[in-house]
Amino acid sequence: MSYAVKNLKDGDRELIAFRIGDQEFCVNVMSVREIRGWTPATAMPHSPSYMKGVINLRGAVLPIIDLSARLGMPATEPTARHVIIVAQVNRKVVGLLVDAVSDILTVTEDNVQPTPEIASELQRQFARGVLAIDKRMICLLELEAIFPDTESEAA
C-alpha cells in the first residue's frame, strides 16, 4: 500500500490513522516508510513483552512492536488481516503491529486538542493530543516518546 503526499498549505500536517481494537490513533506520515501485511515474527529471547520478534525486511532485521501492548492495552494476537507500519523512530526503523490503517488525515495545529488532564501519566507521555474529526476521536501519538532512543537501541 503506498500513498502520495499531496501539496500541503503552510501549517498543514498529514497523519496516518490506524485502529487498535476499537480505538483510533494516528502518527505523522513523515515517520512512516511503508505499510505492509502481517508477517510472522521470530521471537527474540529476553525481549520486552511488547516486542513480537523480528522479521527480515529486504535483508534488514526489523523489530516488530505490538503497539497495543506498548500502549498498555491487551496484547495483539496477529492474523493475516493485521498490518505492520514500518516507521522511522529516532535513528531506528521499527515495525508497528496494528489492526488496520484507516485513513490519511490532513490537519492543522488548531485541530489538535490537548490530552485531557484526567488521562493517565502514561497516556499523556505518549499522546501529543486528540483530534475530533467526523465524529471520531483520534489520539495523536508521539513515536519518539513511545520509543525513546535508549529503548529503541534495546529493540
C-alpha atoms as a PDB file:
ATOM      1  CA  MET A   1       0.000   0.000   0.000  1.00  0.00           C
ATOM      2  CA  SER A   2       1.543   3.340  -0.883  1.00  0.00           C
ATOM      3  CA  TYR A   3       0.291   6.861  -0.510  1.00  0.00           C
ATOM      4  CA  ALA A   4       1.390  10.015  -2.294  1.00  0.00           C
ATOM      5  CA  VAL A   5       1.916  13.051  -0.113  1.00  0.00           C
ATOM      6  CA  LYS A   6      -0.038  15.923  -1.625  1.00  0.00           C
ATOM      7  CA  ASN A   7       0.946  19.569  -1.568  1.00  0.00           C
ATOM      8  CA  LEU A   8       0.159  20.954   1.844  1.00  0.00           C
ATOM      9  CA  LYS A   9      -0.614  24.519   2.847  1.00  0.00           C
ATOM     10  CA  ASP A  10       1.579  26.152   5.476  1.00  0.00           C
ATOM     11  CA  GLY A  11       0.680  24.723   8.866  1.00  0.00           C
ATOM     12  CA  ASP A  12      -0.965  21.590   7.455  1.00  0.00           C
ATOM     13  CA  ARG A  13       0.276  18.167   8.513  1.00  0.00           C
ATOM     14  CA  GLU A  14      -0.546  14.740   7.173  1.00  0.00           C
ATOM     15  CA  LEU A  15      -1.209  11.929   9.600  1.00  0.00           C
ATOM     16  CA  ILE A  16      -1.825   8.220   9.091  1.00  0.00           C
ATOM     17  CA  ALA A  17      -4.745   6.966  11.184  1.00  0.00           C
ATOM     18  CA  PHE A  18      -4.976   3.335  12.284  1.00  0.00           C
ATOM     19  CA  ARG A  19      -7.039   1.141  14.554  1.00  0.00           C
ATOM     20  CA  ILE A  20      -6.017  -0.860  17.592  1.00  0.00           C
ATOM     21  CA  GLY A  21      -9.063  -2.665  18.926  1.00  0.00           C
ATOM     22  CA  ASP A  22     -11.944  -0.194  18.877  1.00  0.00           C
ATOM     23  CA  GLN A  23      -9.707   2.869  19.265  1.00  0.00           C
ATOM     24  CA  GLU A  24      -8.153   5.062  16.590  1.00  0.00           C
ATOM     25  CA  PHE A  25      -4.671   6.528  16.732  1.00  0.00           C
ATOM     26  CA  CYS A  26      -2.533   8.464  14.287  1.00  0.00           C
ATOM     27  CA  VAL A  27       1.111   9.308  13.675  1.00  0.00           C
ATOM     28  CA  ASN A  28       2.892  11.800  11.471  1.00  0.00           C
ATOM     29  CA  VAL A  29       3.074  10.475   7.885  1.00  0.00           C
ATOM     30  CA  MET A  30       6.690  11.663   7.673  1.00  0.00           C
ATOM     31  CA  SER A  31       7.662   8.926  10.170  1.00  0.00           C
ATOM     32  CA  VAL A  32       6.099   6.171   8.038  1.00  0.00           C
ATOM     33  CA  ARG A  33       8.254   4.380   5.489  1.00  0.00           C
ATOM     34  CA  GLU A  34       5.741   1.770   4.331  1.00  0.00           C
ATOM     35  CA  ILE A  35       2.675  -0.225   5.296  1.00  0.00           C
ATOM     36  CA  ARG A  36       2.751  -3.971   4.793  1.00  0.00           C
ATOM     37  CA  GLY A  37       0.708  -7.026   5.641  1.00  0.00           C
ATOM     38  CA  TRP A  38       1.393  -9.114   8.731  1.00  0.00           C
ATOM     39  CA  THR A  39       4.387 -11.421   8.518  1.00  0.00           C
ATOM     40  CA  PRO A  40       5.002 -13.884  11.368  1.00  0.00           C
ATOM     41  CA  ALA A  41       7.905 -12.698  13.513  1.00  0.00           C
ATOM     42  CA  THR A  42      10.721 -14.723  15.020  1.00  0.00           C
ATOM     43  CA  ALA A  43      10.671 -14.307  18.799  1.00  0.00           C
ATOM     44  CA  MET A  44      13.792 -12.962  20.455  1.00  0.00           C
ATOM     45  CA  PRO A  45      14.834 -14.187  23.917  1.00  0.00           C
ATOM     46  CA  HIS A  46      14.766 -11.661  26.790  1.00  0.00           C
ATOM     47  CA  SER A  47      12.973  -9.042  24.675  1.00  0.00           C
ATOM     48  CA  PRO A  48      10.354  -6.674  26.162  1.00  0.00           C
ATOM     49  CA  SER A  49       6.840  -8.143  26.438  1.00  0.00           C
ATOM     50  CA  TYR A  50       5.534  -5.780  23.716  1.00  0.00           C
ATOM     51  CA  MET A  51       8.098  -6.956  21.143  1.00  0.00           C
ATOM     52  CA  LYS A  52       6.602  -9.674  18.922  1.00  0.00           C
ATOM     53  CA  GLY A  53      10.015 -10.529  17.447  1.00  0.00           C
ATOM     54  CA  VAL A  54      11.892  -9.689  14.260  1.00  0.00           C
ATOM     55  CA  ILE A  55      11.304 -10.147  10.541  1.00  0.00           C
ATOM     56  CA  ASN A  56      13.563  -9.935   7.511  1.00  0.00           C
ATOM     57  CA  LEU A  57      12.701  -6.792   5.554  1.00  0.00           C
ATOM     58  CA  ARG A  58      14.696  -6.849   2.319  1.00  0.00           C
ATOM     59  CA  GLY A  59      17.809  -8.116   4.072  1.00  0.00           C
ATOM     60  CA  ALA A  60      17.472  -5.956   7.200  1.00  0.00           C
ATOM     61  CA  VAL A  61      16.330  -7.182  10.615  1.00  0.00           C
ATOM     62  CA  LEU A  62      13.170  -5.290  11.596  1.00  0.00           C
ATOM     63  CA  PRO A  63      11.896  -5.433  15.204  1.00  0.00           C
ATOM     64  CA  ILE A  64       8.098  -5.822  15.355  1.00  0.00           C
ATOM     65  CA  ILE A  65       6.442  -3.949  18.218  1.00  0.00           C
ATOM     66  CA  ASP A  66       2.904  -4.788  19.360  1.00  0.00           C
ATOM     67  CA  LEU A  67       1.706  -1.186  19.654  1.00  0.00           C
ATOM     68  CA  SER A  68      -1.355  -2.264  21.642  1.00  0.00           C
ATOM     69  CA  ALA A  69       0.799  -3.913  24.314  1.00  0.00           C
ATOM     70  CA  ARG A  70       3.271  -0.997  24.283  1.00  0.00           C
ATOM     71  CA  LEU A  71       0.409   1.416  24.997  1.00  0.00           C
ATOM     72  CA  GLY A  72      -0.708  -0.695  27.976  1.00  0.00           C
ATOM     73  CA  MET A  73      -3.670  -2.303  26.212  1.00  0.00           C
ATOM     74  CA  PRO A  74      -4.209  -6.068  25.716  1.00  0.00           C
ATOM     75  CA  ALA A  75      -1.587  -7.819  23.585  1.00  0.00           C
ATOM     76  CA  THR A  76      -2.493  -8.465  19.937  1.00  0.00           C
ATOM     77  CA  GLU A  77      -2.875 -11.957  18.538  1.00  0.00           C
ATOM     78  CA  PRO A  78      -1.960 -11.161  14.927  1.00  0.00           C
ATOM     79  CA  THR A  79      -3.848 -12.593  11.959  1.00  0.00           C
ATOM     80  CA  ALA A  80      -3.487 -12.153   8.196  1.00  0.00           C
ATOM     81  CA  ARG A  81      -5.727  -9.067   8.487  1.00  0.00           C
ATOM     82  CA  HIS A  82      -3.277  -7.158  10.722  1.00  0.00           C
ATOM     83  CA  VAL A  83      -0.735  -4.751   9.250  1.00  0.00           C
ATOM     84  CA  ILE A  84       2.747  -3.560  10.074  1.00  0.00           C
ATOM     85  CA  ILE A  85       3.514   0.138   9.814  1.00  0.00           C
ATOM     86  CA  VAL A  86       7.240   0.435   9.133  1.00  0.00           C
ATOM     87  CA  ALA A  87       8.285   3.674  10.826  1.00  0.00           C
ATOM     88  CA  GLN A  88      11.424   5.674  11.452  1.00  0.00           C
ATOM     89  CA  VAL A  89      11.677   6.418  15.160  1.00  0.00           C
ATOM     90  CA  ASN A  90      14.666   8.476  16.205  1.00  0.00           C
ATOM     91  CA  ARG A  91      17.512   6.770  14.346  1.00  0.00           C
ATOM     92  CA  LYS A  92      15.907   3.297  14.204  1.00  0.00           C
ATOM     93  CA  VAL A  93      13.380   1.645  11.930  1.00  0.00           C
ATOM     94  CA  VAL A  94      10.675  -0.406  13.677  1.00  0.00           C
ATOM     95  CA  GLY A  95       7.563  -2.276  12.606  1.00  0.00           C
ATOM     96  CA  LEU A  96       4.385  -1.298  14.466  1.00  0.00           C
ATOM     97  CA  LEU A  97       1.759  -4.047  14.611  1.00  0.00           C
ATOM     98  CA  VAL A  98      -1.750  -2.535  14.346  1.00  0.00           C
ATOM     99  CA  ASP A  99      -5.193  -3.866  13.421  1.00  0.00           C
ATOM    100  CA  ALA A 100      -5.642  -1.790  10.257  1.00  0.00           C
ATOM    101  CA  VAL A 101      -4.768   1.520   8.650  1.00  0.00           C
ATOM    102  CA  SER A 102      -7.963   3.531   8.382  1.00  0.00           C
ATOM    103  CA  ASP A 103      -7.244   6.947   6.886  1.00  0.00           C
ATOM    104  CA  ILE A 104      -4.832   9.669   5.869  1.00  0.00           C
ATOM    105  CA  LEU A 105      -5.714  12.941   7.565  1.00  0.00           C
ATOM    106  CA  THR A 106      -4.669  16.482   6.702  1.00  0.00           C
ATOM    107  CA  VAL A 107      -4.870  18.632   9.814  1.00  0.00           C
ATOM    108  CA  THR A 108      -3.657  21.938  11.182  1.00  0.00           C
ATOM    109  CA  GLU A 109      -2.290  22.514  14.666  1.00  0.00           C
ATOM    110  CA  ASP A 110      -5.710  24.008  15.551  1.00  0.00           C
ATOM    111  CA  ASN A 111      -7.303  20.559  15.035  1.00  0.00           C
ATOM    112  CA  VAL A 112      -5.146  19.034  17.784  1.00  0.00           C
ATOM    113  CA  GLN A 113      -6.789  19.314  21.215  1.00  0.00           C
ATOM    114  CA  PRO A 114      -4.662  18.824  24.359  1.00  0.00           C
ATOM    115  CA  THR A 115      -4.680  15.425  26.049  1.00  0.00           C
ATOM    116  CA  PRO A 116      -7.270  15.523  28.866  1.00  0.00           C
ATOM    117  CA  GLU A 117      -5.863  16.203  32.340  1.00  0.00           C
ATOM    118  CA  ILE A 118      -7.613  13.087  33.674  1.00  0.00           C
ATOM    119  CA  ALA A 119      -5.618  10.862  31.321  1.00  0.00           C
ATOM    120  CA  SER A 120      -3.014   8.687  32.985  1.00  0.00           C
ATOM    121  CA  GLU A 121       0.610   9.848  33.067  1.00  0.00           C
ATOM    122  CA  LEU A 122       1.427   7.093  30.543  1.00  0.00           C
ATOM    123  CA  GLN A 123      -1.262   8.363  28.137  1.00  0.00           C
ATOM    124  CA  ARG A 124      -0.087  11.964  28.455  1.00  0.00           C
ATOM    125  CA  GLN A 125       3.521  10.878  27.933  1.00  0.00           C
ATOM    126  CA  PHE A 126       2.746   9.095  24.629  1.00  0.00           C
ATOM    127  CA  ALA A 127      -0.116  11.244  23.330  1.00  0.00           C
ATOM    128  CA  ARG A 128       0.585  14.549  21.621  1.00  0.00           C
ATOM    129  CA  GLY A 129      -3.119  15.374  21.628  1.00  0.00           C
ATOM    130  CA  VAL A 130      -6.561  14.307  20.451  1.00  0.00           C
ATOM    131  CA  LEU A 131      -8.283  15.029  17.134  1.00  0.00           C
ATOM    132  CA  ALA A 132     -12.073  15.259  16.866  1.00  0.00           C
ATOM    133  CA  ILE A 133     -12.767  14.558  13.184  1.00  0.00           C
ATOM    134  CA  ASP A 134     -16.051  13.395  11.628  1.00  0.00           C
ATOM    135  CA  LYS A 135     -17.476  12.268  14.999  1.00  0.00           C
ATOM    136  CA  ARG A 136     -14.301  10.248  15.642  1.00  0.00           C
ATOM    137  CA  MET A 137     -11.830  10.757  18.475  1.00  0.00           C
ATOM    138  CA  ILE A 138      -8.307  10.011  17.264  1.00  0.00           C
ATOM    139  CA  CYS A 139      -5.300  10.042  19.578  1.00  0.00           C
ATOM    140  CA  LEU A 140      -2.176  11.602  18.042  1.00  0.00           C
ATOM    141  CA  LEU A 141       0.810   9.543  19.180  1.00  0.00           C
ATOM    142  CA  GLU A 142       4.352  10.835  19.549  1.00  0.00           C
ATOM    143  CA  LEU A 143       6.516   7.903  18.398  1.00  0.00           C
ATOM    144  CA  GLU A 144       9.681   9.429  19.867  1.00  0.00           C
ATOM    145  CA  ALA A 145       8.045   9.338  23.336  1.00  0.00           C
ATOM    146  CA  ILE A 146       6.854   5.742  22.901  1.00  0.00           C
ATOM    147  CA  PHE A 147      10.298   4.572  21.804  1.00  0.00           C
ATOM    148  CA  PRO A 148      12.955   6.750  23.423  1.00  0.00           C
ATOM    149  CA  ASP A 149      16.372   6.430  21.836  1.00  0.00           C
ATOM    150  CA  THR A 150      17.716   4.174  24.592  1.00  0.00           C
ATOM    151  CA  GLU A 151      14.766   1.798  24.325  1.00  0.00           C
ATOM    152  CA  SER A 152      14.903   1.512  20.526  1.00  0.00           C
ATOM    153  CA  GLU A 153      18.570   0.563  20.969  1.00  0.00           C
ATOM    154  CA  ALA A 154      17.421  -2.410  23.079  1.00  0.00           C
ATOM    155  CA  ALA A 155      14.912  -3.495  20.421  1.00  0.00           C
END
